[in-house]
Amino acid sequence: MSTVESLVGDWLPLPDVAQLLDVSITKVHGLLDERALAALRIGERRIRSIPAAFIQDGHVVESLKGTIVVLADAGYSDEELITWLFTADESLRGRPIDALREGRKTEIRRRAQSLAW
């Protein structure tokens, strides 16, 4: 198991994401293309999956897309940005993904933007 796999913990294969969001698998691929989600190939079978924490109450975490775009624009790969989102930060009292799920996107986006400099 890779570091990012163990850091995230719970992963959802893309068909499960489609089911949770009540959309087609094609729509899930569209969400990945438009950077509303980020996925990695994980496990022995290298199945393309997203972190389960990206889904909240049957929807993609609202502020996730903009944060992914900012990190990608800063040159982060999907693996790097997922690692950043799931790495605990004492100054945040938790992980960036948890702050996004709590609606604290301004603070997280500011931190993400500073990574580009």
C-alpha atoms as a PDB file:
ATOM      1  CA  MET A   1       0.000   0.000   0.000  1.00  0.00           C
ATOM      2  CA  SER A   2       1.371   3.408  -0.944  1.00  0.00           C
ATOM      3  CA  THR A   3       1.709   6.292   1.487  1.00  0.00           C
ATOM      4  CA  VAL A   4      -1.188   8.207  -0.061  1.00  0.00           C
ATOM      5  CA  GLU A   5      -3.412   5.114   0.042  1.00  0.00           C
ATOM      6  CA  SER A   6      -2.854   4.653   3.764  1.00  0.00           C
ATOM      7  CA  LEU A   7      -3.035   8.412   4.441  1.00  0.00           C
ATOM      8  CA  VAL A   8      -6.516   8.629   2.898  1.00  0.00           C
ATOM      9  CA  GLY A   9      -7.823   5.324   4.213  1.00  0.00           C
ATOM     10  CA  ASP A  10     -11.290   5.022   2.651  1.00  0.00           C
ATOM     11  CA  TRP A  11     -11.439   4.989  -1.151  1.00  0.00           C
ATOM     12  CA  LEU A  12     -14.357   4.680  -3.557  1.00  0.00           C
ATOM     13  CA  PRO A  13     -14.055   3.070  -7.003  1.00  0.00           C
ATOM     14  CA  LEU A  14     -15.609   5.225  -9.719  1.00  0.00           C
ATOM     15  CA  PRO A  15     -18.743   3.022 -10.149  1.00  0.00           C
ATOM     16  CA  ASP A  16     -19.435   3.447  -6.410  1.00  0.00           C
ATOM     17  CA  VAL A  17     -19.000   7.211  -6.776  1.00  0.00           C
ATOM     18  CA  ALA A  18     -21.561   7.220  -9.594  1.00  0.00           C
ATOM     19  CA  GLN A  19     -23.989   5.305  -7.409  1.00  0.00           C
ATOM     20  CA  LEU A  20     -23.487   7.590  -4.383  1.00  0.00           C
ATOM     21  CA  LEU A  21     -23.948  10.710  -6.506  1.00  0.00           C
ATOM     22  CA  ASP A  22     -26.840   9.105  -8.425  1.00  0.00           C
ATOM     23  CA  VAL A  23     -25.214   9.922 -11.775  1.00  0.00           C
ATOM     24  CA  SER A  24     -23.806   7.919 -14.677  1.00  0.00           C
ATOM     25  CA  ILE A  25     -20.193   6.765 -14.730  1.00  0.00           C
ATOM     26  CA  THR A  26     -19.754   9.109 -17.705  1.00  0.00           C
ATOM     27  CA  LYS A  27     -20.709  12.034 -15.455  1.00  0.00           C
ATOM     28  CA  VAL A  28     -18.115  10.911 -12.888  1.00  0.00           C
ATOM     29  CA  HIS A  29     -15.475  10.912 -15.642  1.00  0.00           C
ATOM     30  CA  GLY A  30     -16.670  14.421 -16.537  1.00  0.00           C
ATOM     31  CA  LEU A  31     -16.217  15.536 -12.917  1.00  0.00           C
ATOM     32  CA  LEU A  32     -12.658  14.225 -13.063  1.00  0.00           C
ATOM     33  CA  ASP A  33     -12.021  15.997 -16.382  1.00  0.00           C
ATOM     34  CA  GLU A  34     -13.296  19.329 -15.040  1.00  0.00           C
ATOM     35  CA  ARG A  35     -11.180  18.899 -11.871  1.00  0.00           C
ATOM     36  CA  ALA A  36     -14.168  18.707  -9.513  1.00  0.00           C
ATOM     37  CA  LEU A  37     -12.651  15.415  -8.329  1.00  0.00           C
ATOM     38  CA  ALA A  38      -9.220  13.805  -8.336  1.00  0.00           C
ATOM     39  CA  ALA A  39      -8.592  10.063  -8.594  1.00  0.00           C
ATOM     40  CA  LEU A  40      -5.709   7.640  -8.306  1.00  0.00           C
ATOM     41  CA  ARG A  41      -5.197   4.015  -9.256  1.00  0.00           C
ATOM     42  CA  ILE A  42      -4.958   2.157  -5.951  1.00  0.00           C
ATOM     43  CA  GLY A  43      -4.707  -1.353  -4.596  1.00  0.00           C
ATOM     44  CA  GLU A  44      -3.307  -4.484  -6.165  1.00  0.00           C
ATOM     45  CA  ARG A  45      -5.701  -4.233  -9.103  1.00  0.00           C
ATOM     46  CA  ARG A  46      -4.896  -0.525  -9.642  1.00  0.00           C
ATOM     47  CA  ILE A  47      -8.576   0.475  -9.667  1.00  0.00           C
ATOM     48  CA  ARG A  48      -9.207   4.169 -10.300  1.00  0.00           C
ATOM     49  CA  SER A  49     -10.729   5.536  -7.094  1.00  0.00           C
ATOM     50  CA  ILE A  50     -11.368   8.760  -5.205  1.00  0.00           C
ATOM     51  CA  PRO A  51     -11.066   9.428  -1.483  1.00  0.00           C
ATOM     52  CA  ALA A  52     -14.426   8.773   0.200  1.00  0.00           C
ATOM     53  CA  ALA A  53     -14.103  12.100   2.074  1.00  0.00           C
ATOM     54  CA  PHE A  54     -14.605  13.905  -1.266  1.00  0.00           C
ATOM     55  CA  ILE A  55     -18.298  12.944  -1.025  1.00  0.00           C
ATOM     56  CA  GLN A  56     -20.519  14.491   1.630  1.00  0.00           C
ATOM     57  CA  ASP A  57     -24.274  13.944   1.974  1.00  0.00           C
ATOM     58  CA  GLY A  58     -24.569  12.509  -1.538  1.00  0.00           C
ATOM     59  CA  HIS A  59     -22.671  15.372  -3.205  1.00  0.00           C
ATOM     60  CA  VAL A  60     -19.098  16.300  -4.025  1.00  0.00           C
ATOM     61  CA  VAL A  61     -17.719  18.529  -1.242  1.00  0.00           C
ATOM     62  CA  GLU A  62     -18.771  21.966  -2.443  1.00  0.00           C
ATOM     63  CA  SER A  63     -15.443  23.789  -2.265  1.00  0.00           C
ATOM     64  CA  LEU A  64     -13.318  20.878  -3.472  1.00  0.00           C
ATOM     65  CA  LYS A  65     -13.274  21.790  -7.170  1.00  0.00           C
ATOM     66  CA  GLY A  66     -11.759  25.244  -6.713  1.00  0.00           C
ATOM     67  CA  THR A  67      -9.183  23.889  -4.303  1.00  0.00           C
ATOM     68  CA  ILE A  68      -8.167  21.109  -6.709  1.00  0.00           C
ATOM     69  CA  VAL A  69      -7.850  23.664  -9.519  1.00  0.00           C
ATOM     70  CA  VAL A  70      -5.649  25.950  -7.380  1.00  0.00           C
ATOM     71  CA  LEU A  71      -3.386  23.050  -6.396  1.00  0.00           C
ATOM     72  CA  ALA A  72      -3.199  21.735  -9.967  1.00  0.00           C
ATOM     73  CA  ASP A  73      -2.334  25.234 -11.201  1.00  0.00           C
ATOM     74  CA  ALA A  74       0.466  25.254  -8.604  1.00  0.00           C
ATOM     75  CA  GLY A  75       1.875  22.174 -10.354  1.00  0.00           C
ATOM     76  CA  TYR A  76       0.569  19.485  -8.018  1.00  0.00           C
ATOM     77  CA  SER A  77      -0.210  16.065  -9.490  1.00  0.00           C
ATOM     78  CA  ASP A  78      -3.372  14.276  -8.356  1.00  0.00           C
ATOM     79  CA  GLU A  79      -1.301  12.183  -5.941  1.00  0.00           C
ATOM     80  CA  GLU A  80       0.411  15.277  -4.515  1.00  0.00           C
ATOM     81  CA  LEU A  81      -2.800  17.261  -4.090  1.00  0.00           C
ATOM     82  CA  ILE A  82      -4.610  14.347  -2.451  1.00  0.00           C
ATOM     83  CA  THR A  83      -1.637  13.909  -0.123  1.00  0.00           C
ATOM     84  CA  TRP A  84      -1.741  17.633   0.743  1.00  0.00           C
ATOM     85  CA  LEU A  85      -5.493  17.535   1.386  1.00  0.00           C
ATOM     86  CA  PHE A  86      -5.172  14.548   3.729  1.00  0.00           C
ATOM     87  CA  THR A  87      -2.034  15.524   5.645  1.00  0.00           C
ATOM     88  CA  ALA A  88      -2.746  16.848   9.129  1.00  0.00           C
ATOM     89  CA  ASP A  89      -1.665  20.421   9.789  1.00  0.00           C
ATOM     90  CA  GLU A  90      -1.398  21.530  13.416  1.00  0.00           C
ATOM     91  CA  SER A  91      -2.132  25.147  12.506  1.00  0.00           C
ATOM     92  CA  LEU A  92      -5.475  23.987  11.034  1.00  0.00           C
ATOM     93  CA  ARG A  93      -6.250  21.635  13.903  1.00  0.00           C
ATOM     94  CA  GLY A  94      -6.746  18.846  11.378  1.00  0.00           C
ATOM     95  CA  ARG A  95      -6.498  18.125   7.683  1.00  0.00           C
ATOM     96  CA  PRO A  96      -7.342  20.509   4.824  1.00  0.00           C
ATOM     97  CA  ILE A  97     -10.062  18.111   3.584  1.00  0.00           C
ATOM     98  CA  ASP A  98     -11.745  18.264   6.992  1.00  0.00           C
ATOM     99  CA  ALA A  99     -11.682  22.060   6.909  1.00  0.00           C
ATOM    100  CA  LEU A 100     -13.284  22.015   3.441  1.00  0.00           C
ATOM    101  CA  ARG A 101     -15.982  19.633   4.659  1.00  0.00           C
ATOM    102  CA  GLU A 102     -16.660  22.080   7.530  1.00  0.00           C
ATOM    103  CA  GLY A 103     -17.056  24.969   5.077  1.00  0.00           C
ATOM    104  CA  ARG A 104     -13.717  26.681   5.809  1.00  0.00           C
ATOM    105  CA  LYS A 105     -12.717  27.046   2.164  1.00  0.00           C
ATOM    106  CA  THR A 106     -11.234  30.566   2.326  1.00  0.00           C
ATOM    107  CA  GLU A 107      -8.479  29.525   4.712  1.00  0.00           C
ATOM    108  CA  ILE A 108      -7.676  26.392   2.685  1.00  0.00           C
ATOM    109  CA  ARG A 109      -7.674  28.214  -0.650  1.00  0.00           C
ATOM    110  CA  ARG A 110      -5.361  30.882   0.756  1.00  0.00           C
ATOM    111  CA  ARG A 111      -2.934  28.175   1.868  1.00  0.00           C
ATOM    112  CA  ALA A 112      -3.220  26.377  -1.470  1.00  0.00           C
ATOM    113  CA  GLN A 113      -2.550  29.601  -3.386  1.00  0.00           C
ATOM    114  CA  SER A 114       0.561  30.270  -1.325  1.00  0.00           C
ATOM    115  CA  LEU A 115       1.978  26.940  -2.537  1.00  0.00           C
ATOM    116  CA  ALA A 116       2.215  28.348  -6.053  1.00  0.00           C
ATOM    117  CA  TRP A 117       4.707  31.035  -4.991  1.00  0.00           C
END
